[in-house]
PDB file of all heavy atoms in Angstrom:
ATOM      1  N   SER A   1      63.694  21.554 125.067  1.00  0.00           N
ATOM      2  CA  SER A   1      62.866  20.548 125.624  1.00  0.00           C
ATOM      3  C   SER A   1      62.457  19.582 124.577  1.00  0.00           C
ATOM      4  O   SER A   1      62.316  18.314 124.854  1.00  0.00           O
ATOM      5  CB  SER A   1      61.555  21.172 126.212  1.00  0.00           C
ATOM      6  OG  SER A   1      60.810  21.869 125.283  1.00  0.00           O
ATOM      7  N   GLN A   2      62.389  19.947 123.284  1.00  0.00           N
ATOM      8  CA  GLN A   2      62.155  18.992 122.210  1.00  0.00           C
ATOM      9  C   GLN A   2      63.280  17.974 122.088  1.00  0.00           C
ATOM     10  O   GLN A   2      63.112  16.815 121.973  1.00  0.00           O
ATOM     11  CB  GLN A   2      61.903  19.709 120.863  1.00  0.00           C
ATOM     12  CG  GLN A   2      61.647  18.813 119.686  1.00  0.00           C
ATOM     13  CD  GLN A   2      62.833  18.127 119.116  1.00  0.00           C
ATOM     14  OE1 GLN A   2      63.944  18.723 119.041  1.00  0.00           O
ATOM     15  NE2 GLN A   2      62.679  16.863 118.655  1.00  0.00           N
ATOM     16  N   ALA A   3      64.551  18.547 122.254  1.00  0.00           N
ATOM     17  CA  ALA A   3      65.768  17.637 122.111  1.00  0.00           C
ATOM     18  C   ALA A   3      65.800  16.607 123.126  1.00  0.00           C
ATOM     19  O   ALA A   3      66.342  15.450 122.902  1.00  0.00           O
ATOM     20  CB  ALA A   3      66.964  18.511 122.126  1.00  0.00           C
ATOM     21  N   LEU A   4      65.219  16.788 124.329  1.00  0.00           N
ATOM     22  CA  LEU A   4      65.252  15.819 125.364  1.00  0.00           C
ATOM     23  C   LEU A   4      64.327  14.657 125.167  1.00  0.00           C
ATOM     24  O   LEU A   4      64.603  13.521 125.564  1.00  0.00           O
ATOM     25  CB  LEU A   4      64.940  16.436 126.767  1.00  0.00           C
ATOM     26  CG  LEU A   4      65.906  17.619 127.111  1.00  0.00           C
ATOM     27  CD1 LEU A   4      65.425  18.198 128.447  1.00  0.00           C
ATOM     28  CD2 LEU A   4      67.314  17.095 127.199  1.00  0.00           C
ATOM     29  N   GLY A   5      63.204  14.872 124.511  1.00  0.00           N
ATOM     30  CA  GLY A   5      62.186  13.817 124.323  1.00  0.00           C
ATOM     31  C   GLY A   5      62.731  12.567 123.645  1.00  0.00           C
ATOM     32  O   GLY A   5      62.543  11.460 124.252  1.00  0.00           O
ATOM     33  N   PRO A   6      63.334  12.631 122.534  1.00  0.00           N
ATOM     34  CA  PRO A   6      63.816  11.392 121.861  1.00  0.00           C
ATOM     35  C   PRO A   6      64.877  10.663 122.685  1.00  0.00           C
ATOM     36  O   PRO A   6      64.963   9.437 122.512  1.00  0.00           O
ATOM     37  CB  PRO A   6      64.416  11.947 120.562  1.00  0.00           C
ATOM     38  CG  PRO A   6      63.667  13.237 120.273  1.00  0.00           C
ATOM     39  CD  PRO A   6      63.416  13.784 121.647  1.00  0.00           C
ATOM     40  N   LEU A   7      65.614  11.399 123.519  1.00  0.00           N
ATOM     41  CA  LEU A   7      66.684  10.665 124.271  1.00  0.00           C
ATOM     42  C   LEU A   7      66.163   9.632 125.221  1.00  0.00           C
ATOM     43  O   LEU A   7      66.819   8.596 125.411  1.00  0.00           O
ATOM     44  CB  LEU A   7      67.462  11.742 125.012  1.00  0.00           C
ATOM     45  CG  LEU A   7      68.304  12.761 124.197  1.00  0.00           C
ATOM     46  CD1 LEU A   7      68.976  13.768 125.068  1.00  0.00           C
ATOM     47  CD2 LEU A   7      69.385  12.015 123.366  1.00  0.00           C
ATOM     48  N   GLU A   8      64.972   9.896 125.729  1.00  0.00           N
ATOM     49  CA  GLU A   8      64.402   8.915 126.677  1.00  0.00           C
ATOM     50  C   GLU A   8      63.248   8.089 126.094  1.00  0.00           C
ATOM     51  O   GLU A   8      62.657   7.281 126.764  1.00  0.00           O
ATOM     52  CB  GLU A   8      63.885   9.647 127.924  1.00  0.00           C
ATOM     53  CG  GLU A   8      65.062  10.217 128.818  1.00  0.00           C
ATOM     54  CD  GLU A   8      64.593  10.658 130.171  1.00  0.00           C
ATOM     55  OE1 GLU A   8      63.586  11.493 130.225  1.00  0.00           O
ATOM     56  OE2 GLU A   8      65.179  10.241 131.153  1.00  0.00           O
ATOM     57  N   ASN A   9      62.945   8.345 124.758  1.00  0.00           N
ATOM     58  CA  ASN A   9      61.846   7.604 124.133  1.00  0.00           C
ATOM     59  C   ASN A   9      62.381   6.174 123.933  1.00  0.00           C
ATOM     60  O   ASN A   9      63.506   6.009 123.370  1.00  0.00           O
ATOM     61  CB  ASN A   9      61.574   8.299 122.827  1.00  0.00           C
ATOM     62  CG  ASN A   9      60.356   7.595 122.124  1.00  0.00           C
ATOM     63  OD1 ASN A   9      60.496   6.487 121.660  1.00  0.00           O
ATOM     64  ND2 ASN A   9      59.216   8.316 122.099  1.00  0.00           N
ATOM     65  N   PRO A  10      61.616   5.181 124.258  1.00  0.00           N
ATOM     66  CA  PRO A  10      62.052   3.808 124.149  1.00  0.00           C
ATOM     67  C   PRO A  10      62.408   3.281 122.788  1.00  0.00           C
ATOM     68  O   PRO A  10      63.188   2.372 122.589  1.00  0.00           O
ATOM     69  CB  PRO A  10      60.970   2.958 124.789  1.00  0.00           C
ATOM     70  CG  PRO A  10      59.754   3.826 124.629  1.00  0.00           C
ATOM     71  CD  PRO A  10      60.220   5.252 124.786  1.00  0.00           C
ATOM     72  N   VAL A  11      61.882   3.894 121.743  1.00  0.00           N
ATOM     73  CA  VAL A  11      62.138   3.459 120.374  1.00  0.00           C
ATOM     74  C   VAL A  11      62.973   4.501 119.554  1.00  0.00           C
ATOM     75  O   VAL A  11      63.263   4.180 118.414  1.00  0.00           O
ATOM     76  CB  VAL A  11      60.858   3.113 119.606  1.00  0.00           C
ATOM     77  CG1 VAL A  11      60.118   1.971 120.192  1.00  0.00           C
ATOM     78  CG2 VAL A  11      59.929   4.395 119.472  1.00  0.00           C
ATOM     79  N   GLU A  12      63.337   5.558 120.155  1.00  0.00           N
ATOM     80  CA  GLU A  12      64.197   6.511 119.456  1.00  0.00           C
ATOM     81  C   GLU A  12      65.692   6.341 120.014  1.00  0.00           C
ATOM     82  O   GLU A  12      66.407   5.411 119.510  1.00  0.00           O
ATOM     83  CB  GLU A  12      63.707   7.919 119.695  1.00  0.00           C
ATOM     84  CG  GLU A  12      62.357   8.110 118.939  1.00  0.00           C
ATOM     85  CD  GLU A  12      61.842   9.539 118.954  1.00  0.00           C
ATOM     86  OE1 GLU A  12      62.557  10.358 118.510  1.00  0.00           O
ATOM     87  OE2 GLU A  12      60.712   9.766 119.490  1.00  0.00           O
ATOM     88  N   HIS A  13      66.122   7.031 120.987  1.00  0.00           N
ATOM     89  CA  HIS A  13      67.434   6.767 121.552  1.00  0.00           C
ATOM     90  C   HIS A  13      67.378   5.655 122.631  1.00  0.00           C
ATOM     91  O   HIS A  13      68.389   4.933 122.815  1.00  0.00           O
ATOM     92  CB  HIS A  13      68.005   7.990 122.169  1.00  0.00           C
ATOM     93  CG  HIS A  13      68.348   9.114 121.179  1.00  0.00           C
ATOM     94  ND1 HIS A  13      69.645   9.543 120.862  1.00  0.00           N
ATOM     95  CD2 HIS A  13      67.506   9.804 120.277  1.00  0.00           C
ATOM     96  CE1 HIS A  13      69.552  10.446 119.921  1.00  0.00           C
ATOM     97  NE2 HIS A  13      68.347  10.652 119.575  1.00  0.00           N
ATOM     98  N   GLY A  14      66.295   5.567 123.345  1.00  0.00           N
ATOM     99  CA  GLY A  14      66.045   4.490 124.272  1.00  0.00           C
ATOM    100  C   GLY A  14      66.869   4.463 125.498  1.00  0.00           C
ATOM    101  O   GLY A  14      66.947   3.370 126.208  1.00  0.00           O
ATOM    102  N   GLY A  15      67.573   5.545 125.824  1.00  0.00           N
ATOM    103  CA  GLY A  15      68.450   5.563 127.010  1.00  0.00           C
ATOM    104  C   GLY A  15      67.730   6.274 128.179  1.00  0.00           C
ATOM    105  O   GLY A  15      66.546   6.548 128.210  1.00  0.00           O
ATOM    106  N   THR A  16      68.646   6.589 129.173  1.00  0.00           N
ATOM    107  CA  THR A  16      68.118   7.274 130.403  1.00  0.00           C
ATOM    108  C   THR A  16      68.956   8.507 130.607  1.00  0.00           C
ATOM    109  O   THR A  16      70.091   8.588 130.274  1.00  0.00           O
ATOM    110  CB  THR A  16      68.132   6.346 131.620  1.00  0.00           C
ATOM    111  OG1 THR A  16      69.510   6.025 131.901  1.00  0.00           O
ATOM    112  CG2 THR A  16      67.303   5.119 131.391  1.00  0.00           C
ATOM    113  N   ARG A  17      68.395   9.442 131.411  1.00  0.00           N
ATOM    114  CA  ARG A  17      69.123  10.697 131.661  1.00  0.00           C
ATOM    115  C   ARG A  17      70.363  10.442 132.516  1.00  0.00           C
ATOM    116  O   ARG A  17      71.396  11.121 132.311  1.00  0.00           O
ATOM    117  CB  ARG A  17      68.212  11.679 132.320  1.00  0.00           C
ATOM    118  CG  ARG A  17      67.607  11.306 133.702  1.00  0.00           C
ATOM    119  CD  ARG A  17      66.584  12.365 134.127  1.00  0.00           C
ATOM    120  NE  ARG A  17      65.450  12.417 133.170  1.00  0.00           N
ATOM    121  CZ  ARG A  17      64.412  13.250 133.271  1.00  0.00           C
ATOM    122  NH1 ARG A  17      64.351  14.068 134.343  1.00  0.00           N
ATOM    123  NH2 ARG A  17      63.435  13.206 132.396  1.00  0.00           N
ATOM    124  N   ALA A  18      70.352   9.442 133.405  1.00  0.00           N
ATOM    125  CA  ALA A  18      71.580   9.152 134.167  1.00  0.00           C
ATOM    126  C   ALA A  18      72.676   8.695 133.211  1.00  0.00           C
ATOM    127  O   ALA A  18      73.824   9.065 133.433  1.00  0.00           O
ATOM    128  CB  ALA A  18      71.295   8.129 135.229  1.00  0.00           C
ATOM    129  N   GLN A  19      72.338   7.857 132.238  1.00  0.00           N
ATOM    130  CA  GLN A  19      73.328   7.378 131.363  1.00  0.00           C
ATOM    131  C   GLN A  19      73.946   8.579 130.592  1.00  0.00           C
ATOM    132  O   GLN A  19      75.170   8.676 130.396  1.00  0.00           O
ATOM    133  CB  GLN A  19      72.680   6.481 130.259  1.00  0.00           C
ATOM    134  CG  GLN A  19      73.628   6.104 129.118  1.00  0.00           C
ATOM    135  CD  GLN A  19      72.830   5.528 127.927  1.00  0.00           C
ATOM    136  OE1 GLN A  19      71.680   5.160 128.058  1.00  0.00           O
ATOM    137  NE2 GLN A  19      73.405   5.434 126.755  1.00  0.00           N
ATOM    138  N   TYR A  20      73.191   9.553 130.150  1.00  0.00           N
ATOM    139  CA  TYR A  20      73.643  10.671 129.362  1.00  0.00           C
ATOM    140  C   TYR A  20      74.537  11.584 130.242  1.00  0.00           C
ATOM    141  O   TYR A  20      75.547  12.120 129.760  1.00  0.00           O
ATOM    142  CB  TYR A  20      72.478  11.413 128.761  1.00  0.00           C
ATOM    143  CG  TYR A  20      71.589  10.532 127.872  1.00  0.00           C
ATOM    144  CD1 TYR A  20      70.186  10.678 127.978  1.00  0.00           C
ATOM    145  CD2 TYR A  20      72.168   9.617 127.033  1.00  0.00           C
ATOM    146  CE1 TYR A  20      69.359   9.870 127.158  1.00  0.00           C
ATOM    147  CE2 TYR A  20      71.364   8.779 126.218  1.00  0.00           C
ATOM    148  CZ  TYR A  20      69.975   8.896 126.378  1.00  0.00           C
ATOM    149  OH  TYR A  20      69.166   8.117 125.548  1.00  0.00           O
ATOM    150  N   VAL A  21      74.181  11.724 131.468  1.00  0.00           N
ATOM    151  CA  VAL A  21      74.980  12.539 132.431  1.00  0.00           C
ATOM    152  C   VAL A  21      76.396  11.902 132.564  1.00  0.00           C
ATOM    153  O   VAL A  21      77.403  12.573 132.627  1.00  0.00           O
ATOM    154  CB  VAL A  21      74.268  12.743 133.732  1.00  0.00           C
ATOM    155  CG1 VAL A  21      75.129  13.443 134.711  1.00  0.00           C
ATOM    156  CG2 VAL A  21      72.975  13.564 133.521  1.00  0.00           C
ATOM    157  N   HIS A  22      76.382  10.568 132.711  1.00  0.00           N
ATOM    158  CA  HIS A  22      77.678   9.838 132.794  1.00  0.00           C
ATOM    159  C   HIS A  22      78.510  10.092 131.531  1.00  0.00           C
ATOM    160  O   HIS A  22      79.698  10.290 131.597  1.00  0.00           O
ATOM    161  CB  HIS A  22      77.435   8.395 133.066  1.00  0.00           C
ATOM    162  CG  HIS A  22      77.184   8.056 134.498  1.00  0.00           C
ATOM    163  ND1 HIS A  22      78.173   8.117 135.464  1.00  0.00           N
ATOM    164  CD2 HIS A  22      76.035   7.708 135.119  1.00  0.00           C
ATOM    165  CE1 HIS A  22      77.665   7.726 136.626  1.00  0.00           C
ATOM    166  NE2 HIS A  22      76.376   7.480 136.467  1.00  0.00           N
ATOM    167  N   VAL A  23      77.859  10.028 130.334  1.00  0.00           N
ATOM    168  CA  VAL A  23      78.613  10.256 129.079  1.00  0.00           C
ATOM    169  C   VAL A  23      79.224  11.658 129.114  1.00  0.00           C
ATOM    170  O   VAL A  23      80.382  11.856 128.711  1.00  0.00           O
ATOM    171  CB  VAL A  23      77.673  10.092 127.908  1.00  0.00           C
ATOM    172  CG1 VAL A  23      78.331  10.587 126.636  1.00  0.00           C
ATOM    173  CG2 VAL A  23      77.244   8.631 127.717  1.00  0.00           C
ATOM    174  N   VAL A  24      78.469  12.646 129.546  1.00  0.00           N
ATOM    175  CA  VAL A  24      78.967  14.021 129.568  1.00  0.00           C
ATOM    176  C   VAL A  24      80.170  14.127 130.510  1.00  0.00           C
ATOM    177  O   VAL A  24      81.169  14.720 130.252  1.00  0.00           O
ATOM    178  CB  VAL A  24      77.844  15.027 130.035  1.00  0.00           C
ATOM    179  CG1 VAL A  24      78.445  16.357 130.358  1.00  0.00           C
ATOM    180  CG2 VAL A  24      76.852  15.182 128.878  1.00  0.00           C
ATOM    181  N   ALA A  25      80.030  13.478 131.722  1.00  0.00           N
ATOM    182  CA  ALA A  25      81.123  13.472 132.633  1.00  0.00           C
ATOM    183  C   ALA A  25      82.421  12.853 132.198  1.00  0.00           C
ATOM    184  O   ALA A  25      83.474  13.302 132.445  1.00  0.00           O
ATOM    185  CB  ALA A  25      80.642  12.836 133.993  1.00  0.00           C
ATOM    186  N   GLU A  26      82.234  11.801 131.332  1.00  0.00           N
ATOM    187  CA  GLU A  26      83.317  11.060 130.884  1.00  0.00           C
ATOM    188  C   GLU A  26      83.990  11.677 129.618  1.00  0.00           C
ATOM    189  O   GLU A  26      85.235  11.507 129.430  1.00  0.00           O
ATOM    190  CB  GLU A  26      82.930   9.591 130.530  1.00  0.00           C
ATOM    191  CG  GLU A  26      82.524   8.834 131.856  1.00  0.00           C
ATOM    192  CD  GLU A  26      81.667   7.621 131.491  1.00  0.00           C
ATOM    193  OE1 GLU A  26      81.520   7.263 130.301  1.00  0.00           O
ATOM    194  OE2 GLU A  26      81.202   6.948 132.511  1.00  0.00           O
ATOM    195  N   HIS A  27      83.196  12.329 128.807  1.00  0.00           N
ATOM    196  CA  HIS A  27      83.721  12.702 127.472  1.00  0.00           C
ATOM    197  C   HIS A  27      83.623  14.295 127.264  1.00  0.00           C
ATOM    198  O   HIS A  27      84.270  14.754 126.292  1.00  0.00           O
ATOM    199  CB  HIS A  27      82.965  11.997 126.424  1.00  0.00           C
ATOM    200  CG  HIS A  27      83.028  10.494 126.545  1.00  0.00           C
ATOM    201  ND1 HIS A  27      84.189   9.791 126.164  1.00  0.00           N
ATOM    202  CD2 HIS A  27      82.210   9.604 126.948  1.00  0.00           C
ATOM    203  CE1 HIS A  27      83.971   8.517 126.317  1.00  0.00           C
ATOM    204  NE2 HIS A  27      82.789   8.358 126.798  1.00  0.00           N
ATOM    205  N   TYR A  28      82.819  14.990 128.036  1.00  0.00           N
ATOM    206  CA  TYR A  28      82.647  16.422 127.730  1.00  0.00           C
ATOM    207  C   TYR A  28      82.783  17.248 128.952  1.00  0.00           C
ATOM    208  O   TYR A  28      82.255  18.381 129.078  1.00  0.00           O
ATOM    209  CB  TYR A  28      81.258  16.628 127.116  1.00  0.00           C
ATOM    210  CG  TYR A  28      80.967  15.914 125.858  1.00  0.00           C
ATOM    211  CD1 TYR A  28      80.221  14.724 125.829  1.00  0.00           C
ATOM    212  CD2 TYR A  28      81.501  16.356 124.632  1.00  0.00           C
ATOM    213  CE1 TYR A  28      80.035  14.033 124.599  1.00  0.00           C
ATOM    214  CE2 TYR A  28      81.281  15.689 123.472  1.00  0.00           C
ATOM    215  CZ  TYR A  28      80.543  14.562 123.428  1.00  0.00           C
ATOM    216  OH  TYR A  28      80.333  13.842 122.224  1.00  0.00           O
ATOM    217  N   ARG A  29      83.471  16.805 129.969  1.00  0.00           N
ATOM    218  CA  ARG A  29      83.466  17.473 131.233  1.00  0.00           C
ATOM    219  C   ARG A  29      83.952  18.929 131.102  1.00  0.00           C
ATOM    220  O   ARG A  29      83.295  19.907 131.613  1.00  0.00           O
ATOM    221  CB  ARG A  29      84.413  16.762 132.236  1.00  0.00           C
ATOM    222  CG  ARG A  29      84.500  17.445 133.622  1.00  0.00           C
ATOM    223  CD  ARG A  29      85.322  16.627 134.565  1.00  0.00           C
ATOM    224  NE  ARG A  29      84.647  15.386 134.941  1.00  0.00           N
ATOM    225  CZ  ARG A  29      83.783  15.329 135.931  1.00  0.00           C
ATOM    226  NH1 ARG A  29      83.415  16.382 136.645  1.00  0.00           N
ATOM    227  NH2 ARG A  29      83.176  14.166 136.271  1.00  0.00           N
ATOM    228  N   ASP A  30      85.068  19.131 130.459  1.00  0.00           N
ATOM    229  CA  ASP A  30      85.645  20.524 130.409  1.00  0.00           C
ATOM    230  C   ASP A  30      84.718  21.452 129.675  1.00  0.00           C
ATOM    231  O   ASP A  30      84.455  22.573 130.125  1.00  0.00           O
ATOM    232  CB  ASP A  30      86.976  20.488 129.678  1.00  0.00           C
ATOM    233  CG  ASP A  30      88.086  19.833 130.505  1.00  0.00           C
ATOM    234  OD1 ASP A  30      87.875  19.611 131.733  1.00  0.00           O
ATOM    235  OD2 ASP A  30      89.144  19.444 129.950  1.00  0.00           O
ATOM    236  N   GLU A  31      84.201  21.006 128.504  1.00  0.00           N
ATOM    237  CA  GLU A  31      83.308  21.867 127.694  1.00  0.00           C
ATOM    238  C   GLU A  31      81.989  22.120 128.471  1.00  0.00           C
ATOM    239  O   GLU A  31      81.541  23.304 128.497  1.00  0.00           O
ATOM    240  CB  GLU A  31      82.939  21.174 126.402  1.00  0.00           C
ATOM    241  CG  GLU A  31      84.067  20.919 125.485  1.00  0.00           C
ATOM    242  CD  GLU A  31      84.601  19.477 125.627  1.00  0.00           C
ATOM    243  OE1 GLU A  31      84.722  18.980 126.731  1.00  0.00           O
ATOM    244  OE2 GLU A  31      84.809  18.820 124.546  1.00  0.00           O
ATOM    245  N   TYR A  32      81.471  21.136 129.161  1.00  0.00           N
ATOM    246  CA  TYR A  32      80.259  21.291 129.930  1.00  0.00           C
ATOM    247  C   TYR A  32      80.465  22.314 131.063  1.00  0.00           C
ATOM    248  O   TYR A  32      79.718  23.281 131.295  1.00  0.00           O
ATOM    249  CB  TYR A  32      79.732  19.962 130.507  1.00  0.00           C
ATOM    250  CG  TYR A  32      78.516  20.095 131.306  1.00  0.00           C
ATOM    251  CD1 TYR A  32      77.226  20.034 130.726  1.00  0.00           C
ATOM    252  CD2 TYR A  32      78.587  20.422 132.687  1.00  0.00           C
ATOM    253  CE1 TYR A  32      76.073  20.216 131.513  1.00  0.00           C
ATOM    254  CE2 TYR A  32      77.489  20.566 133.429  1.00  0.00           C
ATOM    255  CZ  TYR A  32      76.205  20.484 132.880  1.00  0.00           C
ATOM    256  OH  TYR A  32      75.065  20.654 133.639  1.00  0.00           O
TER     257      TYR A  32
END
């Protein structure tokens, strides 16, 4: 749960969970 906080923090990673899910689908599908 700690690892998720910075991913959506506007001044840390600044992204959104939908963006990250798309990244996983495009680049890590088999492993996931």
